[in-house]
Every structure is written in structure tokens, then in C-alpha cells.
Amino acid sequence: MDSKQSNLITIPIDGRMIATAEKTSLQCRNQKKARQVYLNTLAVLAVDFYCQCMDIETDITKSSGLNNILLSLMDTAGLFIKDKGLLECRPVLTQEDFCYIPAEVREDRIGYMVIEINEVERKATILGFIQLVHNQKLYLNSLQSLEDFLVYLNKFVTTQVGA
């Protein structure tokens, strides 16, 4: 295990998270889209839990990752960080070596968090973070640590008016 792996945060996926993800995904008629919405919702909820533990204020009501209308139209998993902006929370499944970043979320984000969803063990592991993406494939070995995320967030100054 390398030093990056030793700093990973694993969050149990509890019944409330599963119920929220299932309820959100039921809004989709297409099975593939429903699966995408389900995983995106779990990723957002896991990062929200992590942020709460780290005393980082979030606002679920402004989060695109739990907005039924946006979810049905786009592949988005944004968590709103108070006074900062949207943090995109991208899910990956166990053993994947890259994360897909849709074109619609490559702008207007303060950063990207990648979360491995293990449905069998009911856990979400936050693999790391990156500030910017330019391609649809984000290789997991390019992620920065969660310590880097906390330093970045602490220094981050929003450029949005009234955020």
C-alpha cells in the first residue's frame, strides 16, 4: 500500500443513503440512467458525510447531485460547498483505473472528488481529489490526497458574486 492509499477515507453506506439514492434513481425510466443517478447520489452523500466530519459546510439544496431535474437531464454529481461552489463527486466501481468526467461537468466546478463505491461491502472510499480536468478520462493515479484537498479548500477564494 502506498502513502496515498493509507490516507483514504472509507465511509459506510448506510440505509438512509441507499434509500435516498433509490428514491432519486426511481425518477428515471431508463435503467442505465437510473443506475448512473443511483451511483452519483451515493457519491454525493459520501462526500457530504466526509465534509460534515471535517466541519466543511455544504448545502444539499444547492447541490446538482441531488436535484431530480438536473439528474434526469445530465450526468452530474455536484455537492455545493458553502462560500466556495460546486465540488463534483464522481463515482467509480471497484477495480476501475479511471473515472469518466462528462463534458457538462468540466466547467464551473471548484474541483473533483473521486469515490469508489463498493456495493457488496456497502462502503464508499474517497480516493482523492483534483482541481481541474480537461478530458473525459481521469486516471485515478493522478489524484491528489485528501490533505491536499483540505489545504486547497482552505486557500480557495470564490470568484462567484454572492456565493
Protein backbone atom coordinates (compact mmCIF):
# COMPACT_ATOMS: atom_id res chain seq x y z
CA MET A 1 0.00 0.00 0.00
CA ASP A 2 1.46 3.36 -0.98
CA SER A 3 1.18 6.55 1.04
CA LYS A 4 -1.81 7.77 -0.98
CA GLN A 5 -3.75 4.59 -0.22
CA SER A 6 -3.02 4.82 3.50
CA ASN A 7 -4.74 8.23 3.60
CA LEU A 8 -8.01 7.07 2.05
CA ILE A 9 -11.26 7.67 3.89
CA THR A 10 -13.88 4.92 3.88
CA ILE A 11 -17.46 5.77 4.73
CA PRO A 12 -20.13 3.16 5.45
CA ILE A 13 -23.07 3.35 3.06
CA ASP A 14 -26.00 3.27 5.47
CA GLY A 15 -29.67 2.59 4.91
CA ARG A 16 -30.52 6.29 4.70
CA MET A 17 -28.00 6.80 1.89
CA ILE A 18 -29.31 3.78 -0.01
CA ALA A 19 -32.93 4.90 0.43
CA THR A 20 -32.11 8.40 -0.84
CA ALA A 21 -30.19 7.00 -3.84
CA GLU A 22 -33.01 4.59 -4.66
CA LYS A 23 -35.67 7.29 -4.36
CA THR A 24 -33.67 9.66 -6.56
CA SER A 25 -32.98 6.99 -9.19
CA LEU A 26 -36.66 5.99 -9.38
CA GLN A 27 -37.29 9.27 -11.18
CA CYS A 28 -35.52 7.81 -14.24
CA ARG A 29 -37.34 5.50 -16.63
CA ASN A 30 -34.19 4.34 -18.40
CA GLN A 31 -32.42 1.62 -16.38
CA LYS A 32 -28.92 2.77 -17.38
CA LYS A 33 -29.70 6.37 -16.38
CA ALA A 34 -31.26 5.18 -13.10
CA ARG A 35 -28.06 3.27 -12.28
CA GLN A 36 -25.95 6.35 -13.05
CA VAL A 37 -28.16 8.54 -10.83
CA TYR A 38 -28.02 5.94 -8.04
CA LEU A 39 -24.19 5.84 -8.03
CA ASN A 40 -23.89 9.63 -8.39
CA THR A 41 -26.21 10.12 -5.42
CA LEU A 42 -24.20 7.71 -3.25
CA ALA A 43 -21.00 9.58 -4.19
CA VAL A 44 -22.51 12.96 -3.26
CA LEU A 45 -23.85 11.64 0.05
CA ALA A 46 -20.49 10.05 0.95
CA VAL A 47 -18.59 13.29 0.29
CA ASP A 48 -21.25 15.27 2.17
CA PHE A 49 -20.71 12.96 5.17
CA TYR A 50 -16.93 13.45 4.90
CA CYS A 51 -17.37 17.24 4.71
CA GLN A 52 -19.58 17.23 7.80
CA CYS A 53 -16.89 15.26 9.68
CA MET A 54 -14.29 17.84 8.61
CA ASP A 55 -16.54 20.82 9.56
CA ILE A 56 -16.86 21.88 5.91
CA GLU A 57 -20.28 23.46 5.37
CA THR A 58 -22.33 22.09 2.50
CA ASP A 59 -25.76 22.99 1.17
CA ILE A 60 -27.61 20.00 -0.24
CA THR A 61 -30.39 22.26 -1.59
CA LYS A 62 -27.87 23.89 -3.97
CA SER A 63 -26.25 20.58 -4.92
CA SER A 64 -26.76 19.45 -8.51
CA GLY A 65 -26.11 15.85 -7.49
CA LEU A 66 -29.44 15.65 -5.65
CA ASN A 67 -31.54 17.81 -7.97
CA ASN A 68 -34.02 15.47 -9.67
CA ILE A 69 -34.47 17.69 -12.72
CA LEU A 70 -30.75 18.15 -13.35
CA LEU A 71 -30.06 14.47 -12.69
CA SER A 72 -32.59 13.38 -15.29
CA LEU A 73 -31.02 15.67 -17.92
CA MET A 74 -27.30 15.50 -17.13
CA ASP A 75 -24.64 13.23 -15.64
CA THR A 76 -23.87 15.43 -12.64
CA ALA A 77 -22.89 14.75 -9.05
CA GLY A 78 -22.15 18.20 -7.67
CA LEU A 79 -22.05 18.94 -3.95
CA PHE A 80 -22.31 22.62 -3.04
CA ILE A 81 -19.60 23.72 -0.62
CA LYS A 82 -20.76 26.86 1.18
CA ASP A 83 -18.95 30.04 0.09
CA LYS A 84 -16.89 28.02 -2.44
CA GLY A 85 -19.05 26.45 -5.16
CA LEU A 86 -19.79 23.02 -6.63
CA LEU A 87 -17.46 20.11 -5.92
CA GLU A 88 -18.08 17.34 -8.44
CA CYS A 89 -18.26 13.91 -6.75
CA ARG A 90 -17.58 11.20 -9.35
CA PRO A 91 -18.26 7.55 -8.55
CA VAL A 92 -16.14 4.63 -9.75
CA LEU A 93 -16.65 0.95 -9.15
CA THR A 94 -14.09 -1.34 -7.52
CA GLN A 95 -11.07 -2.17 -9.70
CA GLU A 96 -11.56 0.67 -12.19
CA ASP A 97 -8.42 2.64 -13.02
CA PHE A 98 -10.08 5.77 -14.39
CA CYS A 99 -13.12 7.90 -13.78
CA TYR A 100 -15.35 9.21 -16.56
CA ILE A 101 -15.83 13.00 -16.48
CA PRO A 102 -18.80 14.10 -18.63
CA ALA A 103 -18.40 17.24 -20.73
CA GLU A 104 -21.22 19.00 -18.85
CA VAL A 105 -19.26 18.98 -15.57
CA ARG A 106 -15.82 20.01 -16.85
CA GLU A 107 -16.54 23.66 -16.09
CA ASP A 108 -17.95 25.65 -13.19
CA ARG A 109 -16.57 23.27 -10.55
CA ILE A 110 -14.17 24.07 -7.73
CA GLY A 111 -12.71 20.59 -8.03
CA TYR A 112 -13.41 16.89 -8.47
CA MET A 113 -13.56 14.18 -5.81
CA VAL A 114 -13.48 10.52 -6.86
CA ILE A 115 -15.30 7.95 -4.74
CA GLU A 116 -15.08 4.19 -5.11
CA ILE A 117 -18.49 2.64 -4.47
CA ASN A 118 -18.40 -0.92 -3.17
CA GLU A 119 -22.00 -2.06 -3.08
CA VAL A 120 -21.25 -5.57 -1.79
CA GLU A 121 -19.44 -4.27 1.31
CA ARG A 122 -21.69 -1.18 1.49
CA LYS A 123 -18.86 1.30 1.66
CA ALA A 124 -17.66 4.36 -0.22
CA THR A 125 -13.94 5.10 -0.29
CA ILE A 126 -12.85 8.62 -1.14
CA LEU A 127 -9.86 8.03 -3.42
CA GLY A 128 -8.71 11.61 -3.84
CA PHE A 129 -9.25 14.93 -5.48
CA ILE A 130 -8.10 17.03 -8.40
CA GLN A 131 -8.67 20.73 -9.09
CA LEU A 132 -9.16 20.69 -12.86
CA VAL A 133 -9.95 18.18 -15.57
CA HIS A 134 -9.59 18.60 -19.30
CA ASN A 135 -10.50 15.15 -20.64
CA GLN A 136 -13.29 12.66 -20.23
CA LYS A 137 -10.93 10.14 -18.63
CA LEU A 138 -9.42 10.98 -15.25
CA TYR A 139 -6.87 8.34 -14.30
CA LEU A 140 -7.01 7.52 -10.62
CA ASN A 141 -3.23 7.57 -10.24
CA SER A 142 -3.33 11.33 -10.98
CA LEU A 143 -5.47 12.14 -7.93
CA GLN A 144 -4.17 14.29 -5.10
CA SER A 145 -4.61 13.33 -1.46
CA LEU A 146 -7.42 14.44 0.84
CA GLU A 147 -4.87 16.50 2.76
CA ASP A 148 -4.20 18.39 -0.48
CA PHE A 149 -7.97 18.90 -0.84
CA LEU A 150 -8.24 20.40 2.65
CA VAL A 151 -5.29 22.75 2.02
CA TYR A 152 -6.76 23.75 -1.36
CA LEU A 153 -10.22 24.35 0.10
CA ASN A 154 -8.77 26.43 2.93
CA LYS A 155 -6.96 28.67 0.42
CA PHE A 156 -9.79 28.71 -2.12
CA VAL A 157 -11.39 32.11 -2.64
CA THR A 158 -14.64 32.06 -4.55
CA THR A 159 -14.94 34.27 -7.61
CA GLN A 160 -18.71 33.92 -7.68
CA VAL A 161 -20.67 37.00 -6.71
CA GLY A 162 -22.95 36.35 -3.77
CA ALA A 163 -21.88 32.72 -3.33
